[in-house]
N, C-alpha and C. Protein backbone atom coordinates (compact mmCIF):
# COMPACT_ATOMS: atom_id res chain seq x y z
N MET A 1 -214.88 -23.90 141.47
CA MET A 1 -214.51 -24.72 142.68
C MET A 1 -214.56 -26.06 142.24
N MET A 2 -213.59 -26.88 142.65
CA MET A 2 -213.34 -28.28 142.24
C MET A 2 -214.39 -29.16 142.99
N ASN A 3 -214.79 -30.09 142.42
CA ASN A 3 -215.93 -31.09 143.17
C ASN A 3 -214.76 -32.13 144.07
N THR A 4 -214.90 -31.83 145.42
CA THR A 4 -213.79 -32.60 146.26
C THR A 4 -214.48 -33.75 146.80
N GLU A 5 -215.80 -33.98 146.63
CA GLU A 5 -216.50 -35.18 147.40
C GLU A 5 -215.74 -36.58 146.92
N ASP A 6 -215.40 -36.64 145.69
CA ASP A 6 -214.92 -37.99 145.17
C ASP A 6 -213.34 -38.12 145.21
N GLU A 7 -212.63 -37.10 145.84
CA GLU A 7 -211.22 -36.93 145.59
C GLU A 7 -210.56 -37.95 146.94
N SER A 8 -209.55 -38.67 146.48
CA SER A 8 -209.12 -39.53 147.49
C SER A 8 -208.12 -38.72 148.49
N VAL A 9 -208.41 -39.03 149.65
CA VAL A 9 -207.51 -38.26 150.83
C VAL A 9 -206.10 -38.36 150.49
N PHE A 10 -205.67 -39.49 149.98
CA PHE A 10 -204.13 -39.63 149.62
C PHE A 10 -203.83 -38.63 148.57
N ILE A 11 -204.57 -38.56 147.44
CA ILE A 11 -204.37 -37.44 146.46
C ILE A 11 -204.33 -36.07 147.03
N VAL A 12 -205.28 -35.85 147.89
CA VAL A 12 -205.23 -34.49 148.34
C VAL A 12 -204.01 -34.14 149.29
N LEU A 13 -203.75 -35.15 150.13
CA LEU A 13 -202.52 -34.97 150.94
C LEU A 13 -201.20 -34.73 150.10
N HIS A 14 -201.06 -35.49 148.91
CA HIS A 14 -200.08 -35.38 148.18
C HIS A 14 -200.07 -33.96 147.64
N GLN A 15 -201.20 -33.48 146.95
CA GLN A 15 -201.36 -32.03 146.48
C GLN A 15 -200.89 -31.05 147.55
N LEU A 16 -201.47 -31.18 148.84
CA LEU A 16 -201.20 -30.32 149.86
C LEU A 16 -199.67 -30.24 150.12
N LEU A 17 -198.88 -31.46 150.18
CA LEU A 17 -197.42 -31.35 150.40
C LEU A 17 -196.86 -30.72 149.11
N HIS A 18 -197.05 -30.94 147.92
CA HIS A 18 -196.50 -30.25 146.95
C HIS A 18 -196.64 -28.88 146.82
N LEU A 19 -197.99 -28.32 147.08
CA LEU A 19 -198.29 -27.07 147.19
C LEU A 19 -197.53 -26.31 148.17
N SER A 20 -197.39 -26.81 149.47
CA SER A 20 -196.81 -26.18 150.45
C SER A 20 -195.27 -26.15 150.18
N LYS A 21 -194.69 -27.14 149.64
CA LYS A 21 -193.25 -27.10 149.26
C LYS A 21 -193.01 -26.10 148.35
N TYR A 22 -193.79 -26.05 147.39
CA TYR A 22 -193.79 -24.96 146.27
C TYR A 22 -193.67 -23.64 147.03
N GLN A 23 -194.58 -23.35 147.88
CA GLN A 23 -194.82 -22.03 148.42
C GLN A 23 -193.55 -21.79 149.45
N ALA A 24 -193.08 -22.76 150.24
CA ALA A 24 -191.90 -22.71 151.14
C ALA A 24 -190.71 -22.30 150.06
N MET A 25 -190.67 -22.91 149.05
CA MET A 25 -189.43 -22.62 148.27
C MET A 25 -189.53 -21.18 147.54
N LYS A 26 -190.56 -20.80 147.37
CA LYS A 26 -190.71 -19.45 146.75
C LYS A 26 -190.56 -18.31 147.81
N ARG A 27 -190.92 -18.67 149.02
CA ARG A 27 -190.65 -17.70 150.09
C ARG A 27 -189.16 -17.73 150.61
N MET A 28 -188.46 -18.85 150.52
CA MET A 28 -187.03 -19.01 150.69
C MET A 28 -186.35 -18.27 149.70
N GLU A 29 -186.64 -18.22 148.62
CA GLU A 29 -185.90 -17.52 147.66
C GLU A 29 -185.59 -16.01 147.93
N THR A 30 -186.64 -15.53 148.65
CA THR A 30 -186.42 -14.09 149.20
C THR A 30 -185.29 -13.88 150.07
N LEU A 31 -184.84 -15.00 150.69
CA LEU A 31 -183.67 -15.05 151.64
C LEU A 31 -182.37 -15.54 150.84
N GLY A 32 -182.59 -15.82 149.56
CA GLY A 32 -181.43 -16.42 148.86
C GLY A 32 -181.16 -18.03 149.27
N LEU A 33 -182.17 -18.59 149.67
CA LEU A 33 -181.93 -20.03 150.32
C LEU A 33 -182.85 -21.13 149.42
N LYS A 34 -182.17 -22.23 149.37
CA LYS A 34 -182.93 -23.50 148.75
C LYS A 34 -183.12 -24.21 150.06
N PRO A 35 -184.29 -25.15 149.94
CA PRO A 35 -184.83 -25.89 151.29
C PRO A 35 -183.76 -26.61 152.05
N SER A 36 -182.74 -27.15 151.34
CA SER A 36 -181.71 -27.89 152.08
C SER A 36 -180.59 -26.99 152.90
N GLN A 37 -180.50 -25.67 152.23
CA GLN A 37 -179.73 -24.76 152.89
C GLN A 37 -180.30 -24.29 154.19
N ALA A 38 -181.78 -24.16 154.13
CA ALA A 38 -182.52 -23.73 155.36
C ALA A 38 -182.25 -24.81 156.33
N GLY A 39 -182.43 -26.03 155.82
CA GLY A 39 -182.30 -27.19 156.63
C GLY A 39 -180.96 -27.26 157.61
N ILE A 40 -179.98 -26.89 156.76
CA ILE A 40 -178.55 -26.75 157.46
C ILE A 40 -178.61 -25.67 158.53
N LEU A 41 -179.16 -24.55 158.20
CA LEU A 41 -179.18 -23.50 159.34
C LEU A 41 -180.04 -23.90 160.38
N PHE A 42 -181.28 -24.55 160.31
CA PHE A 42 -181.98 -25.22 161.44
C PHE A 42 -181.17 -26.03 162.18
N ILE A 43 -180.50 -27.01 161.43
CA ILE A 43 -179.75 -28.00 162.38
C ILE A 43 -178.58 -27.28 163.26
N LEU A 44 -178.02 -26.31 162.48
CA LEU A 44 -177.01 -25.51 163.23
C LEU A 44 -177.58 -24.67 164.51
N ASN A 45 -178.73 -24.30 164.27
CA ASN A 45 -179.56 -23.45 165.23
C ASN A 45 -179.88 -24.36 166.46
N CYS A 46 -180.22 -25.65 166.16
CA CYS A 46 -180.58 -26.63 167.20
C CYS A 46 -179.19 -27.12 168.05
N GLU A 47 -178.27 -27.43 166.93
CA GLU A 47 -177.11 -28.22 167.62
C GLU A 47 -175.85 -27.43 167.97
N GLY A 48 -175.86 -26.25 167.50
CA GLY A 48 -174.77 -25.42 167.67
C GLY A 48 -173.85 -25.62 166.84
N GLU A 49 -172.52 -25.65 167.19
CA GLU A 49 -171.39 -25.70 166.35
C GLU A 49 -171.45 -27.42 166.07
N LEU A 50 -170.92 -27.47 164.79
CA LEU A 50 -170.79 -28.98 164.31
C LEU A 50 -169.55 -29.11 163.44
N SER A 51 -169.07 -30.18 163.26
CA SER A 51 -168.02 -30.42 162.19
C SER A 51 -168.65 -30.50 160.83
N GLN A 52 -168.07 -30.26 159.96
CA GLN A 52 -168.55 -30.28 158.42
C GLN A 52 -168.95 -31.66 158.21
N ARG A 53 -168.25 -32.73 158.66
CA ARG A 53 -168.76 -34.05 158.45
C ARG A 53 -169.88 -34.50 159.18
N SER A 54 -169.98 -34.06 160.49
CA SER A 54 -171.10 -34.42 161.20
C SER A 54 -172.49 -33.72 160.77
N LEU A 55 -172.14 -32.55 160.09
CA LEU A 55 -173.36 -31.81 159.53
C LEU A 55 -173.83 -32.50 158.37
N ALA A 56 -172.86 -32.93 157.53
CA ALA A 56 -173.16 -33.67 156.26
C ALA A 56 -173.85 -34.87 156.60
N ASP A 57 -173.41 -35.71 157.70
CA ASP A 57 -174.33 -36.97 158.07
C ASP A 57 -175.61 -36.57 158.54
N LYS A 58 -176.00 -35.52 159.16
CA LYS A 58 -177.14 -35.23 159.71
C LYS A 58 -177.95 -34.85 158.66
N ILE A 59 -177.49 -34.15 157.62
CA ILE A 59 -178.42 -33.78 156.53
C ILE A 59 -178.71 -34.81 155.38
N GLY A 60 -177.75 -35.85 155.50
CA GLY A 60 -177.87 -36.86 154.74
C GLY A 60 -177.17 -36.76 153.24
N ILE A 61 -176.17 -35.95 153.27
CA ILE A 61 -175.52 -35.67 151.89
C ILE A 61 -173.97 -36.04 152.09
N LYS A 62 -173.51 -36.22 150.80
CA LYS A 62 -172.00 -36.38 150.78
C LYS A 62 -171.20 -35.04 151.16
N PRO A 63 -170.05 -35.21 151.69
CA PRO A 63 -169.21 -34.08 151.88
C PRO A 63 -168.99 -33.07 150.71
N PRO A 64 -168.78 -33.41 149.61
CA PRO A 64 -168.56 -32.57 148.46
C PRO A 64 -169.50 -31.67 148.39
N SER A 65 -170.94 -32.22 148.45
CA SER A 65 -172.00 -31.48 148.30
C SER A 65 -172.23 -30.46 149.54
N MET A 66 -172.04 -30.93 150.65
CA MET A 66 -171.91 -30.02 151.82
C MET A 66 -170.93 -28.98 151.71
N THR A 67 -169.84 -29.19 151.06
CA THR A 67 -168.88 -28.20 150.81
C THR A 67 -169.51 -27.11 150.03
N VAL A 68 -170.13 -27.38 148.90
CA VAL A 68 -170.80 -26.38 148.01
C VAL A 68 -171.73 -25.61 148.77
N ALA A 69 -172.70 -26.37 149.36
CA ALA A 69 -173.80 -25.60 150.09
C ALA A 69 -173.25 -24.65 151.25
N LEU A 70 -172.26 -24.95 151.96
CA LEU A 70 -171.49 -24.47 152.99
C LEU A 70 -170.94 -22.85 152.35
N ARG A 71 -170.42 -23.25 151.27
CA ARG A 71 -169.78 -22.13 150.40
C ARG A 71 -170.72 -20.95 150.29
N LYS A 72 -171.88 -21.37 149.76
CA LYS A 72 -172.96 -20.49 149.49
C LYS A 72 -173.48 -19.82 150.58
N LEU A 73 -173.73 -20.50 151.78
CA LEU A 73 -174.19 -20.02 153.08
C LEU A 73 -173.16 -18.95 153.49
N GLU A 74 -171.96 -19.46 153.46
CA GLU A 74 -170.82 -18.54 153.88
C GLU A 74 -170.75 -17.33 153.18
N GLU A 75 -170.99 -17.38 151.78
CA GLU A 75 -170.87 -16.10 150.91
C GLU A 75 -172.06 -15.17 151.31
N ARG A 76 -173.01 -15.62 151.77
CA ARG A 76 -174.29 -14.90 152.15
C ARG A 76 -174.17 -14.29 153.46
N GLY A 77 -173.11 -14.68 154.42
CA GLY A 77 -172.85 -14.41 155.61
C GLY A 77 -173.87 -15.11 156.68
N TYR A 78 -174.24 -16.21 156.26
CA TYR A 78 -175.01 -17.01 157.30
C TYR A 78 -174.36 -17.79 158.29
N ILE A 79 -173.20 -18.40 157.89
CA ILE A 79 -172.46 -19.23 158.62
C ILE A 79 -170.98 -18.90 158.74
N ARG A 80 -170.25 -19.31 159.75
CA ARG A 80 -168.81 -19.15 159.73
C ARG A 80 -168.15 -20.54 159.83
N ARG A 81 -167.04 -20.73 159.23
CA ARG A 81 -166.13 -21.86 159.08
C ARG A 81 -164.97 -21.60 159.87
N GLU A 82 -164.42 -22.34 160.77
CA GLU A 82 -163.42 -22.40 161.45
C GLU A 82 -162.72 -23.74 161.64
N GLN A 83 -161.33 -23.70 161.53
CA GLN A 83 -160.52 -24.85 161.67
C GLN A 83 -160.51 -25.18 163.24
N ASP A 84 -160.65 -26.50 163.63
CA ASP A 84 -160.64 -27.00 164.73
C ASP A 84 -159.37 -26.60 165.55
N GLU A 85 -159.19 -26.14 166.67
CA GLU A 85 -157.92 -25.78 167.33
C GLU A 85 -157.15 -27.01 167.61
N LYS A 86 -157.75 -28.12 167.95
CA LYS A 86 -157.10 -29.32 168.22
C LYS A 86 -156.54 -30.09 166.96
N ASP A 87 -157.49 -30.28 166.05
CA ASP A 87 -157.29 -30.89 164.81
C ASP A 87 -157.53 -30.10 163.64
N GLN A 88 -156.54 -29.70 163.05
CA GLN A 88 -156.63 -28.88 161.72
C GLN A 88 -157.39 -29.48 160.60
N ARG A 89 -157.60 -30.81 160.63
CA ARG A 89 -158.22 -31.45 159.51
C ARG A 89 -159.79 -31.29 159.59
N ILE A 90 -160.12 -30.91 160.81
CA ILE A 90 -161.70 -30.67 161.21
C ILE A 90 -161.94 -29.24 160.86
N VAL A 91 -163.28 -29.03 160.10
CA VAL A 91 -163.66 -27.67 160.08
C VAL A 91 -165.10 -27.57 160.79
N ARG A 92 -164.81 -26.56 161.70
CA ARG A 92 -166.19 -26.51 162.64
C ARG A 92 -167.11 -25.39 162.03
N ILE A 93 -168.54 -25.69 161.96
CA ILE A 93 -169.40 -24.67 161.38
C ILE A 93 -170.36 -24.23 162.51
N ARG A 94 -170.48 -22.74 162.30
CA ARG A 94 -171.51 -22.31 163.24
C ARG A 94 -172.37 -21.30 162.59
N LEU A 95 -173.48 -20.84 163.25
CA LEU A 95 -174.22 -19.70 162.64
C LEU A 95 -173.59 -18.34 163.01
N SER A 96 -173.62 -17.53 162.10
CA SER A 96 -173.41 -16.18 162.38
C SER A 96 -174.63 -15.45 162.87
N GLU A 97 -174.27 -14.12 163.13
CA GLU A 97 -175.38 -13.31 163.82
C GLU A 97 -176.56 -13.27 162.61
N LYS A 98 -176.03 -13.05 161.42
CA LYS A 98 -176.90 -13.01 160.29
C LYS A 98 -177.61 -14.17 160.15
N GLY A 99 -176.89 -15.23 160.13
CA GLY A 99 -177.52 -16.65 160.34
C GLY A 99 -178.83 -16.71 161.31
N ARG A 100 -178.54 -16.24 162.48
CA ARG A 100 -179.57 -16.44 163.32
C ARG A 100 -180.71 -15.42 163.10
N GLU A 101 -180.41 -14.29 162.48
CA GLU A 101 -181.57 -13.49 161.94
C GLU A 101 -182.31 -14.22 160.89
N CYS A 102 -181.62 -14.85 160.13
CA CYS A 102 -182.22 -15.65 158.95
C CYS A 102 -183.10 -16.71 159.55
N ILE A 103 -182.79 -17.28 160.65
CA ILE A 103 -183.68 -18.39 161.10
C ILE A 103 -184.97 -17.73 161.73
N GLU A 104 -184.81 -16.53 162.19
CA GLU A 104 -186.04 -15.76 162.72
C GLU A 104 -186.93 -15.59 161.46
N SER A 105 -186.32 -15.10 160.25
CA SER A 105 -187.02 -14.92 159.20
C SER A 105 -187.80 -16.32 158.65
N LEU A 106 -187.02 -17.29 158.67
CA LEU A 106 -187.62 -18.60 158.32
C LEU A 106 -188.68 -18.95 159.19
N LYS A 107 -188.61 -18.74 160.50
CA LYS A 107 -189.60 -19.09 161.28
C LYS A 107 -190.84 -18.32 160.94
N GLY A 108 -190.53 -17.06 160.66
CA GLY A 108 -191.77 -16.17 160.17
C GLY A 108 -192.53 -16.67 159.08
N ILE A 109 -191.57 -17.23 157.90
CA ILE A 109 -192.16 -17.84 156.83
C ILE A 109 -193.11 -18.79 157.14
N MET A 110 -192.61 -19.86 158.17
CA MET A 110 -193.36 -20.95 158.46
C MET A 110 -194.65 -20.59 159.24
N SER A 111 -194.43 -19.47 160.04
CA SER A 111 -195.72 -19.09 160.76
C SER A 111 -196.71 -18.51 159.79
N ASP A 112 -196.26 -17.75 158.76
CA ASP A 112 -197.25 -17.30 157.69
C ASP A 112 -197.83 -18.33 156.95
N MET A 113 -197.03 -19.39 156.55
CA MET A 113 -197.71 -20.42 155.88
C MET A 113 -198.66 -21.31 156.77
N GLU A 114 -198.39 -21.47 157.96
CA GLU A 114 -199.30 -22.01 158.78
C GLU A 114 -200.52 -21.24 158.98
N GLU A 115 -200.49 -19.84 158.73
CA GLU A 115 -201.56 -18.97 159.14
C GLU A 115 -202.43 -19.32 157.62
N VAL A 116 -201.97 -19.42 156.49
CA VAL A 116 -202.67 -19.69 155.23
C VAL A 116 -203.26 -20.93 155.47
N LEU A 117 -202.53 -22.04 155.85
CA LEU A 117 -203.01 -23.40 155.71
C LEU A 117 -204.27 -23.43 156.67
N TYR A 118 -204.32 -22.92 157.80
CA TYR A 118 -205.19 -23.20 158.98
C TYR A 118 -206.43 -22.01 158.87
N GLN A 119 -206.47 -21.28 157.88
CA GLN A 119 -207.55 -20.28 157.80
C GLN A 119 -208.94 -21.08 157.80
N GLY A 120 -209.76 -20.42 158.60
CA GLY A 120 -211.17 -21.21 158.65
C GLY A 120 -211.12 -22.53 159.67
N ILE A 121 -209.97 -23.02 160.18
CA ILE A 121 -209.94 -24.17 160.77
C ILE A 121 -209.63 -23.76 162.40
N THR A 122 -210.59 -24.21 163.25
CA THR A 122 -210.52 -23.86 164.67
C THR A 122 -209.40 -24.63 165.42
N PRO A 123 -208.90 -24.06 166.46
CA PRO A 123 -207.78 -24.70 167.26
C PRO A 123 -208.20 -26.17 167.45
N GLU A 124 -209.40 -26.60 167.72
CA GLU A 124 -209.88 -27.99 168.20
C GLU A 124 -209.46 -28.71 166.91
N GLU A 125 -209.96 -28.25 165.79
CA GLU A 125 -209.80 -29.01 164.49
C GLU A 125 -208.32 -29.30 164.21
N MET A 126 -207.51 -28.20 164.53
CA MET A 126 -206.10 -28.47 164.37
C MET A 126 -205.52 -29.52 165.14
N MET A 127 -205.65 -29.54 166.44
CA MET A 127 -205.32 -30.54 167.40
C MET A 127 -205.79 -31.86 166.80
N LEU A 128 -207.01 -31.92 166.30
CA LEU A 128 -207.50 -33.22 165.88
C LEU A 128 -206.79 -33.54 164.75
N PHE A 129 -206.75 -32.82 163.66
CA PHE A 129 -205.91 -32.90 162.46
C PHE A 129 -204.57 -33.49 162.79
N ARG A 130 -203.93 -32.79 163.64
CA ARG A 130 -202.34 -33.20 164.03
C ARG A 130 -202.38 -34.61 164.70
N ARG A 131 -203.28 -34.83 165.62
CA ARG A 131 -203.42 -36.30 166.18
C ARG A 131 -203.61 -37.41 164.99
N LEU A 132 -204.66 -36.95 164.01
CA LEU A 132 -204.95 -38.03 162.98
C LEU A 132 -203.68 -38.23 162.04
N VAL A 133 -203.04 -37.30 161.76
CA VAL A 133 -201.97 -37.31 161.06
C VAL A 133 -200.83 -38.20 161.48
N LEU A 134 -200.50 -37.70 162.73
CA LEU A 134 -199.49 -38.65 163.55
C LEU A 134 -199.88 -40.07 163.67
N GLU A 135 -201.16 -40.39 163.68
CA GLU A 135 -201.70 -41.71 163.91
C GLU A 135 -201.53 -42.46 162.59
N MET A 136 -201.87 -41.50 161.52
CA MET A 136 -201.72 -42.31 160.25
C MET A 136 -200.27 -42.75 160.06
N ARG A 137 -199.21 -41.86 160.36
CA ARG A 137 -197.87 -42.07 160.13
C ARG A 137 -197.56 -43.50 160.94
N GLU A 138 -197.96 -43.58 162.20
CA GLU A 138 -197.96 -44.74 162.89
C GLU A 138 -198.61 -46.01 162.26
N ASN A 139 -199.66 -45.79 161.71
CA ASN A 139 -200.15 -46.90 160.98
C ASN A 139 -199.56 -47.43 159.99
N LEU A 140 -198.86 -46.36 159.11
CA LEU A 140 -198.07 -46.84 158.00
C LEU A 140 -196.78 -47.56 158.46
N LEU A 141 -196.21 -47.12 159.55
CA LEU A 141 -195.10 -47.69 160.09
C LEU A 141 -195.25 -49.00 160.58
N ALA A 142 -196.40 -49.41 161.00
CA ALA A 142 -196.85 -50.62 161.72
C ALA A 142 -197.50 -51.52 160.53
N SER A 143 -197.61 -51.07 159.38
CA SER A 143 -198.17 -51.89 158.18
C SER A 143 -197.19 -52.97 157.87
N LYS A 144 -197.86 -53.89 157.10
CA LYS A 144 -197.08 -55.22 156.73
C LYS A 144 -195.74 -54.73 155.95
N ASP A 145 -195.83 -53.89 155.06
CA ASP A 145 -194.68 -53.37 154.22
C ASP A 145 -193.66 -52.93 155.21
N PHE A 146 -193.83 -52.31 156.32
CA PHE A 146 -192.78 -51.71 156.96
C PHE A 146 -192.32 -52.82 158.11
N LYS A 147 -193.17 -53.73 158.48
CA LYS A 147 -192.92 -54.74 159.44
C LYS A 147 -191.54 -55.47 159.22
N GLU A 148 -191.53 -55.77 157.94
CA GLU A 148 -190.30 -56.58 157.55
C GLU A 148 -189.04 -55.88 157.68
N MET A 149 -189.02 -54.51 157.73
CA MET A 149 -187.90 -53.67 157.81
C MET A 149 -187.37 -53.42 159.44
N ASP A 150 -186.01 -53.59 159.45
CA ASP A 150 -185.75 -53.38 160.76
C ASP A 150 -185.27 -51.87 161.00
N PHE A 151 -186.16 -51.22 161.85
CA PHE A 151 -185.92 -49.88 162.18
C PHE A 151 -185.56 -49.59 163.61
N LYS A 152 -185.10 -50.64 164.17
CA LYS A 152 -184.62 -50.42 165.65
C LYS A 152 -183.57 -49.56 165.61
N GLY A 153 -183.43 -48.49 166.55
CA GLY A 153 -182.21 -47.66 166.61
C GLY A 153 -182.18 -46.56 165.64
N MET A 154 -183.09 -46.53 164.69
CA MET A 154 -183.14 -45.53 163.60
C MET A 154 -183.94 -44.21 164.05
N ASP A 155 -183.45 -43.22 163.75
CA ASP A 155 -184.33 -42.02 163.78
C ASP A 155 -185.27 -41.85 162.52
N PHE A 156 -186.21 -41.01 162.57
CA PHE A 156 -187.28 -40.85 161.61
C PHE A 156 -186.58 -40.44 160.41
N LYS A 157 -185.74 -39.70 160.40
CA LYS A 157 -185.07 -39.21 159.14
C LYS A 157 -184.31 -40.38 158.46
N THR A 158 -183.68 -41.32 159.06
CA THR A 158 -183.25 -42.40 158.49
C THR A 158 -184.30 -43.20 157.93
N ILE A 159 -185.27 -43.46 158.60
CA ILE A 159 -186.42 -44.33 158.05
C ILE A 159 -186.99 -43.70 156.78
N ILE A 160 -187.12 -42.34 156.80
CA ILE A 160 -187.56 -41.78 155.48
C ILE A 160 -186.57 -41.95 154.37
N GLU A 161 -185.29 -41.90 154.80
CA GLU A 161 -184.32 -42.17 153.65
C GLU A 161 -184.33 -43.50 153.07
N LYS A 162 -184.46 -44.44 153.98
CA LYS A 162 -184.55 -45.80 153.58
C LYS A 162 -185.70 -46.16 152.81
N THR A 163 -186.89 -45.43 153.01
CA THR A 163 -188.18 -45.74 152.34
C THR A 163 -188.63 -44.97 151.22
N GLY A 164 -187.73 -43.91 151.01
CA GLY A 164 -188.14 -42.89 149.85
C GLY A 164 -187.27 -42.98 148.68
N PRO A 165 -187.65 -42.13 147.67
CA PRO A 165 -186.73 -42.13 146.59
C PRO A 165 -185.41 -41.45 147.07
N PRO A 166 -184.38 -41.59 146.12
CA PRO A 166 -183.13 -40.82 146.50
C PRO A 166 -183.51 -39.28 146.75
N MET A 167 -182.88 -38.70 147.66
CA MET A 167 -183.33 -37.28 148.01
C MET A 167 -182.36 -36.36 147.01
N ARG A 168 -183.04 -35.37 146.48
CA ARG A 168 -182.25 -34.53 145.52
C ARG A 168 -181.99 -33.16 146.29
N HIS A 169 -180.89 -32.89 146.34
CA HIS A 169 -180.51 -31.53 146.85
C HIS A 169 -180.16 -30.61 145.90
N ASP A 170 -180.64 -29.43 145.96
CA ASP A 170 -180.18 -28.20 145.17
C ASP A 170 -179.60 -27.25 145.96
N PHE A 171 -178.18 -27.25 145.57
CA PHE A 171 -177.38 -26.41 146.36
C PHE A 171 -176.94 -25.36 145.40
C-alpha cells in the first residue's frame, strides 16, 4: 500500500481523473464507442434531433470530424441521419432505438463506476465530497487567474475549452 499521508490532494485528484477516464474508455470499448462518440449520443438523448452543424458546435469539433464520428455511429446503428424536409442542405441527426439502448448501457457503466469509486464511503461523505468539489471549482473560477478572463454569457463547456489544452477527439 502506498504512503498517502504526504501526497498532494491536487496529485491525487489528477490520478483519480486519469484512472476513471481509463476505466470509462475500457468499458465503452465493449460498446464500440470512444468517449467523444458517447458524448454525441448523450447530447442527442438530451436535445433530441439536431442538425449536424449544431451538434458539432455543441461538442466543440469541426464539421469534417463530426462527419467521421457520425458515420461510425450510423454504421453501428446508434443514430439516423436525415435530410431536412425544408432545407436539403441541412442534415438532421437523431438517436435510433439501438442508440437509446446504448444510452441505457452507458448509464449502467457510469453507475458501475460510481459504485466502485464510492465503496466504503457513506452517503453523507458523498454529499460532503460533492459540495467540496463544487466549491473548489468555484474557488478556481473566482481566482486571480480567471478574474481577468471574461466568462460572461459562457457555459461551463466553453470555459473549459478556453482554459484547457486543445481537446483531442479520437473518432
